[in-house]
Amino acid sequence: MLPEEQELFKKLSIADLERAQAYVKDLGQGLQIVRTFPQGVTIFGSARLPQDNKYCLKAAKLGSLLAQNGHAVVTGGGPGIMEAASRGAYEIGGRVVGLNITLQHEQFPNPYLTDCLTFEYFFARKVALAMASKVFVMFPGGFGTMDELFEILCLMQENKMPKMPVFLIGKDYWHKFDRVINTMVSMKLVHKKDTQIFKITDDVNEVVKAANKVGHPKVAENFYDGFREASYVTKMDARAAAEQARIDAANAAAGVDPKAKN
């Protein structure tokens, strides 16, 4: 631990320190399970839809196609869309990872999971859902799905995570969302190029083609490894420049010419 980090922890109250430790535990177990399987396709969507809903039927078809093509299916592990996608993959012997969360209602692990982990905190779960994925798929959903969608779009927009394919399944549902985004563009609240981060479609085969194009990374590999967001690189460049300036000033004060040959 760095000295500045040690100083920070000294200033925390006991309650905040315990909270921070709980965050670290939840996040750590999520990162650990992500390292046990190749990055797959993360599927988001409502926990409230019945299995005979048209979107659940389409999610089940997608799960099956992905498993047939050797891709792990990752979901929030609950009912609704998550269960449908899980079932589609599970029934043909695919790898199905459920990253569940403790809630007062709705959320309980579905029976079609080969791997399951239950989180306490949404942010830790979202980190794991993102790091587990090479393609993101959004089916119709409520506040939770929108929260997950906008976080991914924002992180990609700001280069805080690798840009990966994002599909919104269901034109009849997402066309109103698209209108809202276009309104943002017209008001110059969102750049036009940022609308290319996602694609709205009814064809789940497009998802499979995108996953096949990305390929099958090894378990030990992750697209996040070595990734540094633009702000981090800029900050490190600034630190390097400041350090070099300090060294140059010290050399000048000592009458040393760093370019002079011995």
C-alpha atoms as a PDB file:
ATOM      1  CA  MET A   1       0.000   0.000   0.000  1.00  0.00           C
ATOM      2  CA  LEU A   2       1.334   3.455  -0.943  1.00  0.00           C
ATOM      3  CA  PRO A   3       2.085   5.971   1.836  1.00  0.00           C
ATOM      4  CA  GLU A   4      -0.695   8.301   0.651  1.00  0.00           C
ATOM      5  CA  GLU A   5      -3.160   5.387   0.750  1.00  0.00           C
ATOM      6  CA  GLN A   6      -2.070   4.557   4.296  1.00  0.00           C
ATOM      7  CA  GLU A   7      -2.673   8.167   5.309  1.00  0.00           C
ATOM      8  CA  LEU A   8      -6.113   8.085   3.726  1.00  0.00           C
ATOM      9  CA  PHE A   9      -7.143   4.995   5.689  1.00  0.00           C
ATOM     10  CA  LYS A  10      -5.909   6.578   8.917  1.00  0.00           C
ATOM     11  CA  LYS A  11      -8.361   9.432   8.389  1.00  0.00           C
ATOM     12  CA  LEU A  12     -11.379   7.169   7.874  1.00  0.00           C
ATOM     13  CA  SER A  13     -13.846   6.551  10.665  1.00  0.00           C
ATOM     14  CA  ILE A  14     -14.307   2.978  11.866  1.00  0.00           C
ATOM     15  CA  ALA A  15     -17.684   2.826  10.106  1.00  0.00           C
ATOM     16  CA  ASP A  16     -16.245   4.071   6.819  1.00  0.00           C
ATOM     17  CA  LEU A  17     -13.275   1.729   7.098  1.00  0.00           C
ATOM     18  CA  GLU A  18     -15.582  -1.242   7.611  1.00  0.00           C
ATOM     19  CA  ARG A  19     -17.687  -0.089   4.656  1.00  0.00           C
ATOM     20  CA  ALA A  20     -14.592   0.199   2.466  1.00  0.00           C
ATOM     21  CA  GLN A  21     -13.493  -3.298   3.478  1.00  0.00           C
ATOM     22  CA  ALA A  22     -16.940  -4.655   2.579  1.00  0.00           C
ATOM     23  CA  TYR A  23     -16.691  -2.968  -0.837  1.00  0.00           C
ATOM     24  CA  VAL A  24     -13.265  -4.492  -1.419  1.00  0.00           C
ATOM     25  CA  LYS A  25     -14.498  -7.972  -0.457  1.00  0.00           C
ATOM     26  CA  ASP A  26     -17.501  -7.785  -2.796  1.00  0.00           C
ATOM     27  CA  LEU A  27     -15.445  -6.412  -5.669  1.00  0.00           C
ATOM     28  CA  GLY A  28     -12.613  -8.866  -5.088  1.00  0.00           C
ATOM     29  CA  GLN A  29     -14.802 -11.964  -5.256  1.00  0.00           C
ATOM     30  CA  GLY A  30     -16.350 -10.628  -8.466  1.00  0.00           C
ATOM     31  CA  LEU A  31     -12.967 -10.113 -10.110  1.00  0.00           C
ATOM     32  CA  GLN A  32     -11.952 -13.574  -8.957  1.00  0.00           C
ATOM     33  CA  ILE A  33     -14.865 -15.375 -10.645  1.00  0.00           C
ATOM     34  CA  VAL A  34     -14.333 -13.391 -13.852  1.00  0.00           C
ATOM     35  CA  ARG A  35     -10.900 -15.024 -14.101  1.00  0.00           C
ATOM     36  CA  THR A  36     -12.354 -18.533 -14.162  1.00  0.00           C
ATOM     37  CA  PHE A  37     -13.858 -18.438 -17.677  1.00  0.00           C
ATOM     38  CA  PRO A  38     -13.182 -16.756 -21.048  1.00  0.00           C
ATOM     39  CA  GLN A  39     -14.922 -13.434 -21.563  1.00  0.00           C
ATOM     40  CA  GLY A  40     -18.377 -14.132 -22.946  1.00  0.00           C
ATOM     41  CA  VAL A  41     -21.539 -12.260 -23.892  1.00  0.00           C
ATOM     42  CA  THR A  42     -23.345 -10.406 -21.120  1.00  0.00           C
ATOM     43  CA  ILE A  43     -27.110 -10.260 -21.496  1.00  0.00           C
ATOM     44  CA  PHE A  44     -29.177  -7.708 -19.579  1.00  0.00           C
ATOM     45  CA  GLY A  45     -32.951  -7.323 -19.329  1.00  0.00           C
ATOM     46  CA  SER A  46     -36.020  -7.315 -17.131  1.00  0.00           C
ATOM     47  CA  ALA A  47     -36.424  -9.780 -14.265  1.00  0.00           C
ATOM     48  CA  ARG A  48     -40.208  -9.336 -14.436  1.00  0.00           C
ATOM     49  CA  LEU A  49     -41.063 -10.800 -17.839  1.00  0.00           C
ATOM     50  CA  PRO A  50     -42.646 -14.304 -17.977  1.00  0.00           C
ATOM     51  CA  GLN A  51     -40.860 -17.038 -19.895  1.00  0.00           C
ATOM     52  CA  ASP A  52     -43.472 -17.075 -22.651  1.00  0.00           C
ATOM     53  CA  ASN A  53     -42.942 -13.367 -23.374  1.00  0.00           C
ATOM     54  CA  LYS A  54     -41.643 -12.745 -26.900  1.00  0.00           C
ATOM     55  CA  TYR A  55     -38.459 -11.156 -25.603  1.00  0.00           C
ATOM     56  CA  CYS A  56     -37.763 -14.072 -23.283  1.00  0.00           C
ATOM     57  CA  LEU A  57     -38.238 -16.468 -26.184  1.00  0.00           C
ATOM     58  CA  LYS A  58     -35.757 -14.435 -28.208  1.00  0.00           C
ATOM     59  CA  ALA A  59     -33.320 -14.341 -25.279  1.00  0.00           C
ATOM     60  CA  ALA A  60     -33.518 -18.130 -24.997  1.00  0.00           C
ATOM     61  CA  LYS A  61     -32.763 -18.450 -28.705  1.00  0.00           C
ATOM     62  CA  LEU A  62     -29.775 -16.126 -28.341  1.00  0.00           C
ATOM     63  CA  GLY A  63     -28.439 -18.059 -25.359  1.00  0.00           C
ATOM     64  CA  SER A  64     -28.653 -21.289 -27.341  1.00  0.00           C
ATOM     65  CA  LEU A  65     -26.913 -19.827 -30.403  1.00  0.00           C
ATOM     66  CA  LEU A  66     -24.118 -18.361 -28.313  1.00  0.00           C
ATOM     67  CA  ALA A  67     -23.497 -21.653 -26.532  1.00  0.00           C
ATOM     68  CA  GLN A  68     -23.497 -23.503 -29.848  1.00  0.00           C
ATOM     69  CA  ASN A  69     -20.741 -21.166 -31.006  1.00  0.00           C
ATOM     70  CA  GLY A  70     -18.674 -21.697 -27.874  1.00  0.00           C
ATOM     71  CA  HIS A  71     -19.389 -18.413 -26.082  1.00  0.00           C
ATOM     72  CA  ALA A  72     -20.045 -18.203 -22.351  1.00  0.00           C
ATOM     73  CA  VAL A  73     -23.374 -16.573 -21.484  1.00  0.00           C
ATOM     74  CA  VAL A  74     -23.223 -14.098 -18.594  1.00  0.00           C
ATOM     75  CA  THR A  75     -26.311 -12.623 -16.933  1.00  0.00           C
ATOM     76  CA  GLY A  76     -27.414 -11.136 -13.641  1.00  0.00           C
ATOM     77  CA  GLY A  77     -28.456 -14.658 -12.698  1.00  0.00           C
ATOM     78  CA  GLY A  78     -32.088 -13.869 -11.928  1.00  0.00           C
ATOM     79  CA  PRO A  79     -35.501 -14.563 -13.505  1.00  0.00           C
ATOM     80  CA  GLY A  80     -37.084 -13.045 -16.607  1.00  0.00           C
ATOM     81  CA  ILE A  81     -34.736 -12.290 -19.500  1.00  0.00           C
ATOM     82  CA  MET A  82     -31.785 -13.553 -17.465  1.00  0.00           C
ATOM     83  CA  GLU A  83     -33.404 -16.925 -16.879  1.00  0.00           C
ATOM     84  CA  ALA A  84     -34.453 -17.277 -20.506  1.00  0.00           C
ATOM     85  CA  ALA A  85     -30.967 -16.593 -21.869  1.00  0.00           C
ATOM     86  CA  SER A  86     -29.449 -18.883 -19.238  1.00  0.00           C
ATOM     87  CA  ARG A  87     -31.857 -21.699 -20.062  1.00  0.00           C
ATOM     88  CA  GLY A  88     -31.146 -21.450 -23.775  1.00  0.00           C
ATOM     89  CA  ALA A  89     -27.430 -21.919 -23.191  1.00  0.00           C
ATOM     90  CA  TYR A  90     -27.715 -24.389 -20.320  1.00  0.00           C
ATOM     91  CA  GLU A  91     -29.937 -26.852 -22.156  1.00  0.00           C
ATOM     92  CA  ILE A  92     -27.286 -27.521 -24.793  1.00  0.00           C
ATOM     93  CA  GLY A  93     -24.423 -27.714 -22.298  1.00  0.00           C
ATOM     94  CA  GLY A  94     -23.059 -24.164 -22.483  1.00  0.00           C
ATOM     95  CA  ARG A  95     -21.175 -22.235 -19.801  1.00  0.00           C
ATOM     96  CA  VAL A  96     -23.686 -20.022 -17.992  1.00  0.00           C
ATOM     97  CA  VAL A  97     -22.483 -17.521 -15.417  1.00  0.00           C
ATOM     98  CA  GLY A  98     -24.957 -15.807 -13.085  1.00  0.00           C
ATOM     99  CA  LEU A  99     -23.765 -12.713 -11.221  1.00  0.00           C
ATOM    100  CA  ASN A 100     -26.649 -12.341  -8.819  1.00  0.00           C
ATOM    101  CA  ILE A 101     -27.408  -9.713  -6.163  1.00  0.00           C
ATOM    102  CA  THR A 102     -29.281  -9.653  -2.870  1.00  0.00           C
ATOM    103  CA  LEU A 103     -32.534  -7.687  -3.257  1.00  0.00           C
ATOM    104  CA  GLN A 104     -35.790  -7.354  -1.326  1.00  0.00           C
ATOM    105  CA  HIS A 105     -37.799  -8.713  -4.260  1.00  0.00           C
ATOM    106  CA  GLU A 106     -37.501 -10.253  -7.719  1.00  0.00           C
ATOM    107  CA  GLN A 107     -33.911 -11.401  -7.574  1.00  0.00           C
ATOM    108  CA  PHE A 108     -33.151 -15.043  -6.906  1.00  0.00           C
ATOM    109  CA  PRO A 109     -30.772 -17.340  -8.805  1.00  0.00           C
ATOM    110  CA  ASN A 110     -32.420 -19.151 -11.699  1.00  0.00           C
ATOM    111  CA  PRO A 111     -31.802 -22.927 -11.982  1.00  0.00           C
ATOM    112  CA  TYR A 112     -29.909 -22.728 -15.292  1.00  0.00           C
ATOM    113  CA  LEU A 113     -26.464 -21.655 -14.085  1.00  0.00           C
ATOM    114  CA  THR A 114     -23.151 -23.484 -14.186  1.00  0.00           C
ATOM    115  CA  ASP A 115     -21.483 -20.758 -12.095  1.00  0.00           C
ATOM    116  CA  CYS A 116     -23.136 -18.381  -9.640  1.00  0.00           C
ATOM    117  CA  LEU A 117     -21.985 -15.610  -7.330  1.00  0.00           C
ATOM    118  CA  THR A 118     -24.204 -13.327  -5.248  1.00  0.00           C
ATOM    119  CA  PHE A 119     -23.175  -9.718  -4.630  1.00  0.00           C
ATOM    120  CA  GLU A 120     -24.178  -7.243  -1.960  1.00  0.00           C
ATOM    121  CA  TYR A 121     -23.401  -4.075  -3.913  1.00  0.00           C
ATOM    122  CA  PHE A 122     -24.594  -3.015  -7.345  1.00  0.00           C
ATOM    123  CA  PHE A 123     -21.357  -1.269  -8.325  1.00  0.00           C
ATOM    124  CA  ALA A 124     -19.241  -4.377  -7.675  1.00  0.00           C
ATOM    125  CA  ARG A 125     -21.684  -6.521  -9.636  1.00  0.00           C
ATOM    126  CA  LYS A 126     -21.641  -4.090 -12.569  1.00  0.00           C
ATOM    127  CA  VAL A 127     -17.843  -4.146 -12.663  1.00  0.00           C
ATOM    128  CA  ALA A 128     -17.906  -7.955 -12.847  1.00  0.00           C
ATOM    129  CA  LEU A 129     -20.666  -7.981 -15.507  1.00  0.00           C
ATOM    130  CA  ALA A 130     -18.589  -5.607 -17.623  1.00  0.00           C
ATOM    131  CA  MET A 131     -15.235  -7.327 -17.183  1.00  0.00           C
ATOM    132  CA  ALA A 132     -16.805 -10.703 -17.964  1.00  0.00           C
ATOM    133  CA  SER A 133     -17.938  -9.536 -21.387  1.00  0.00           C
ATOM    134  CA  LYS A 134     -16.711  -9.054 -24.945  1.00  0.00           C
ATOM    135  CA  VAL A 135     -20.209  -8.202 -26.272  1.00  0.00           C
ATOM    136  CA  PHE A 136     -23.132  -6.541 -24.456  1.00  0.00           C
ATOM    137  CA  VAL A 137     -26.792  -7.273 -25.173  1.00  0.00           C
ATOM    138  CA  MET A 138     -29.688  -5.248 -23.784  1.00  0.00           C
ATOM    139  CA  PHE A 139     -33.215  -6.630 -23.878  1.00  0.00           C
ATOM    140  CA  PRO A 140     -36.167  -4.530 -22.689  1.00  0.00           C
ATOM    141  CA  GLY A 141     -35.972  -3.746 -18.996  1.00  0.00           C
ATOM    142  CA  GLY A 142     -36.658  -1.200 -16.308  1.00  0.00           C
ATOM    143  CA  PHE A 143     -34.543   1.096 -14.153  1.00  0.00           C
ATOM    144  CA  GLY A 144     -31.907  -1.580 -13.496  1.00  0.00           C
ATOM    145  CA  THR A 145     -31.392  -2.329 -17.180  1.00  0.00           C
ATOM    146  CA  MET A 146     -31.260   1.380 -18.012  1.00  0.00           C
ATOM    147  CA  ASP A 147     -28.722   1.943 -15.256  1.00  0.00           C
ATOM    148  CA  GLU A 148     -26.508  -0.813 -16.644  1.00  0.00           C
ATOM    149  CA  LEU A 149     -26.932   0.395 -20.235  1.00  0.00           C
ATOM    150  CA  PHE A 150     -26.122   4.036 -19.559  1.00  0.00           C
ATOM    151  CA  GLU A 151     -23.114   3.200 -17.418  1.00  0.00           C
ATOM    152  CA  ILE A 152     -21.631   1.097 -20.221  1.00  0.00           C
ATOM    153  CA  LEU A 153     -22.415   3.759 -22.852  1.00  0.00           C
ATOM    154  CA  CYS A 154     -20.912   6.495 -20.681  1.00  0.00           C
ATOM    155  CA  LEU A 155     -17.749   4.511 -19.918  1.00  0.00           C
ATOM    156  CA  MET A 156     -17.221   3.746 -23.606  1.00  0.00           C
ATOM    157  CA  GLN A 157     -18.002   7.334 -24.581  1.00  0.00           C
ATOM    158  CA  GLU A 158     -15.364   8.644 -22.170  1.00  0.00           C
ATOM    159  CA  ASN A 159     -12.839   5.912 -23.036  1.00  0.00           C
ATOM    160  CA  LYS A 160     -12.981   4.528 -19.498  1.00  0.00           C
ATOM    161  CA  MET A 161     -13.389   0.993 -20.813  1.00  0.00           C
ATOM    162  CA  PRO A 162     -12.588  -0.820 -24.071  1.00  0.00           C
ATOM    163  CA  LYS A 163     -15.146  -0.234 -26.804  1.00  0.00           C
ATOM    164  CA  MET A 164     -17.078  -3.440 -27.447  1.00  0.00           C
ATOM    165  CA  PRO A 165     -20.235  -4.238 -29.444  1.00  0.00           C
ATOM    166  CA  VAL A 166     -23.470  -3.172 -27.733  1.00  0.00           C
ATOM    167  CA  PHE A 167     -26.792  -4.466 -29.079  1.00  0.00           C
ATOM    168  CA  LEU A 168     -30.270  -3.318 -28.034  1.00  0.00           C
ATOM    169  CA  ILE A 169     -32.698  -6.109 -28.938  1.00  0.00           C
ATOM    170  CA  GLY A 170     -36.268  -5.140 -29.849  1.00  0.00           C
ATOM    171  CA  LYS A 171     -36.862  -2.278 -32.264  1.00  0.00           C
ATOM    172  CA  ASP A 172     -40.441  -1.812 -31.078  1.00  0.00           C
ATOM    173  CA  TYR A 173     -39.182  -1.194 -27.535  1.00  0.00           C
ATOM    174  CA  TRP A 174     -35.970   0.742 -28.145  1.00  0.00           C
ATOM    175  CA  HIS A 175     -37.172   3.117 -30.892  1.00  0.00           C
ATOM    176  CA  LYS A 176     -38.411   5.580 -28.261  1.00  0.00           C
ATOM    177  CA  PHE A 177     -35.053   5.382 -26.543  1.00  0.00           C
ATOM    178  CA  ASP A 178     -33.440   6.176 -29.890  1.00  0.00           C
ATOM    179  CA  ARG A 179     -35.688   9.240 -30.223  1.00  0.00           C
ATOM    180  CA  VAL A 180     -34.533  10.485 -26.827  1.00  0.00           C
ATOM    181  CA  ILE A 181     -30.883  10.026 -27.833  1.00  0.00           C
ATOM    182  CA  ASN A 182     -31.479  11.860 -31.121  1.00  0.00           C
ATOM    183  CA  THR A 183     -33.064  14.705 -29.162  1.00  0.00           C
ATOM    184  CA  MET A 184     -29.897  14.866 -27.076  1.00  0.00           C
ATOM    185  CA  VAL A 185     -27.866  15.028 -30.289  1.00  0.00           C
ATOM    186  CA  SER A 186     -30.023  17.824 -31.722  1.00  0.00           C
ATOM    187  CA  MET A 187     -29.505  19.816 -28.507  1.00  0.00           C
ATOM    188  CA  LYS A 188     -25.757  19.124 -28.698  1.00  0.00           C
ATOM    189  CA  LEU A 189     -25.876  17.237 -25.398  1.00  0.00           C
ATOM    190  CA  VAL A 190     -24.447  14.111 -27.043  1.00  0.00           C
ATOM    191  CA  HIS A 191     -22.097  13.952 -30.012  1.00  0.00           C
ATOM    192  CA  LYS A 192     -23.451  12.261 -33.127  1.00  0.00           C
ATOM    193  CA  LYS A 193     -20.527   9.810 -33.208  1.00  0.00           C
ATOM    194  CA  ASP A 194     -21.486   8.519 -29.762  1.00  0.00           C
ATOM    195  CA  THR A 195     -24.737   7.125 -31.168  1.00  0.00           C
ATOM    196  CA  GLN A 196     -22.577   4.593 -33.033  1.00  0.00           C
ATOM    197  CA  ILE A 197     -21.616   2.918 -29.745  1.00  0.00           C
ATOM    198  CA  PHE A 198     -24.833   0.873 -29.809  1.00  0.00           C
ATOM    199  CA  LYS A 199     -27.030  -0.772 -32.420  1.00  0.00           C
ATOM    200  CA  ILE A 200     -30.771  -1.457 -32.243  1.00  0.00           C
ATOM    201  CA  THR A 201     -31.844  -4.689 -33.925  1.00  0.00           C
ATOM    202  CA  ASP A 202     -34.335  -7.554 -33.869  1.00  0.00           C
ATOM    203  CA  ASP A 203     -31.834 -10.070 -35.215  1.00  0.00           C
ATOM    204  CA  VAL A 204     -30.011 -12.030 -32.505  1.00  0.00           C
ATOM    205  CA  ASN A 205     -27.776 -13.529 -35.182  1.00  0.00           C
ATOM    206  CA  GLU A 206     -26.017 -10.163 -35.351  1.00  0.00           C
ATOM    207  CA  VAL A 207     -24.930 -10.676 -31.756  1.00  0.00           C
ATOM    208  CA  VAL A 208     -23.525 -14.112 -32.527  1.00  0.00           C
ATOM    209  CA  LYS A 209     -21.651 -12.797 -35.573  1.00  0.00           C
ATOM    210  CA  ALA A 210     -20.129 -10.005 -33.470  1.00  0.00           C
ATOM    211  CA  ALA A 211     -19.060 -12.460 -30.760  1.00  0.00           C
ATOM    212  CA  ASN A 212     -17.527 -14.763 -33.379  1.00  0.00           C
ATOM    213  CA  LYS A 213     -15.666 -11.818 -34.873  1.00  0.00           C
ATOM    214  CA  VAL A 214     -14.210 -10.877 -31.485  1.00  0.00           C
ATOM    215  CA  GLY A 215     -13.185 -14.499 -31.064  1.00  0.00           C
ATOM    216  CA  HIS A 216     -12.539 -16.697 -28.069  1.00  0.00           C
ATOM    217  CA  PRO A 217      -9.993 -15.152 -25.672  1.00  0.00           C
ATOM    218  CA  LYS A 218      -8.125 -17.464 -23.334  1.00  0.00           C
ATOM    219  CA  VAL A 219      -9.219 -17.721 -19.705  1.00  0.00           C
ATOM    220  CA  ALA A 220      -6.019 -15.991 -18.585  1.00  0.00           C
ATOM    221  CA  GLU A 221      -6.599 -13.083 -20.983  1.00  0.00           C
ATOM    222  CA  ASN A 222      -8.968 -10.148 -20.534  1.00  0.00           C
ATOM    223  CA  PHE A 223      -9.523  -7.113 -22.733  1.00  0.00           C
ATOM    224  CA  TYR A 224      -9.195  -4.934 -19.637  1.00  0.00           C
ATOM    225  CA  ASP A 225      -5.657  -6.128 -18.946  1.00  0.00           C
ATOM    226  CA  GLY A 226      -3.272  -3.317 -19.794  1.00  0.00           C
ATOM    227  CA  PHE A 227      -6.143  -0.963 -20.683  1.00  0.00           C
ATOM    228  CA  ARG A 228      -5.650   2.597 -19.490  1.00  0.00           C
ATOM    229  CA  GLU A 229      -8.292   5.226 -20.015  1.00  0.00           C
ATOM    230  CA  ALA A 230      -7.317   8.485 -21.704  1.00  0.00           C
ATOM    231  CA  SER A 231      -7.479  10.482 -18.471  1.00  0.00           C
ATOM    232  CA  TYR A 232      -5.082   8.040 -16.791  1.00  0.00           C
ATOM    233  CA  VAL A 233      -2.585   8.273 -19.648  1.00  0.00           C
ATOM    234  CA  THR A 234      -2.814  12.083 -19.634  1.00  0.00           C
ATOM    235  CA  LYS A 235      -2.279  12.142 -15.882  1.00  0.00           C
ATOM    236  CA  MET A 236       0.736   9.845 -16.121  1.00  0.00           C
ATOM    237  CA  ASP A 237       2.192  11.935 -18.945  1.00  0.00           C
ATOM    238  CA  ALA A 238       1.737  15.041 -16.814  1.00  0.00           C
ATOM    239  CA  ARG A 239       3.477  13.377 -13.869  1.00  0.00           C
ATOM    240  CA  ALA A 240       6.364  12.273 -16.080  1.00  0.00           C
ATOM    241  CA  ALA A 241       6.698  15.793 -17.490  1.00  0.00           C
ATOM    242  CA  ALA A 242       6.677  17.312 -13.997  1.00  0.00           C
ATOM    243  CA  GLU A 243       9.333  14.845 -12.819  1.00  0.00           C
ATOM    244  CA  GLN A 244      11.511  15.600 -15.829  1.00  0.00           C
ATOM    245  CA  ALA A 245      11.124  19.331 -15.180  1.00  0.00           C
ATOM    246  CA  ARG A 246      12.228  18.791 -11.581  1.00  0.00           C
ATOM    247  CA  ILE A 247      15.290  16.848 -12.725  1.00  0.00           C
ATOM    248  CA  ASP A 248      16.173  19.503 -15.313  1.00  0.00           C
ATOM    249  CA  ALA A 249      15.871  22.253 -12.691  1.00  0.00           C
ATOM    250  CA  ALA A 250      18.120  20.338 -10.298  1.00  0.00           C
ATOM    251  CA  ASN A 251      20.692  19.769 -13.032  1.00  0.00           C
ATOM    252  CA  ALA A 252      20.638  23.445 -13.983  1.00  0.00           C
ATOM    253  CA  ALA A 253      21.119  24.513 -10.354  1.00  0.00           C
ATOM    254  CA  ALA A 254      24.078  22.157 -10.073  1.00  0.00           C
ATOM    255  CA  GLY A 255      25.537  23.337 -13.361  1.00  0.00           C
ATOM    256  CA  VAL A 256      25.150  19.901 -14.913  1.00  0.00           C
ATOM    257  CA  ASP A 257      24.510  19.551 -18.628  1.00  0.00           C
ATOM    258  CA  PRO A 258      22.640  16.216 -19.098  1.00  0.00           C
ATOM    259  CA  LYS A 259      23.493  16.297 -22.824  1.00  0.00           C
ATOM    260  CA  ALA A 260      27.208  16.624 -22.209  1.00  0.00           C
ATOM    261  CA  LYS A 261      29.259  13.531 -22.958  1.00  0.00           C
ATOM    262  CA  ASN A 262      31.660  12.100 -20.388  1.00  0.00           C
END
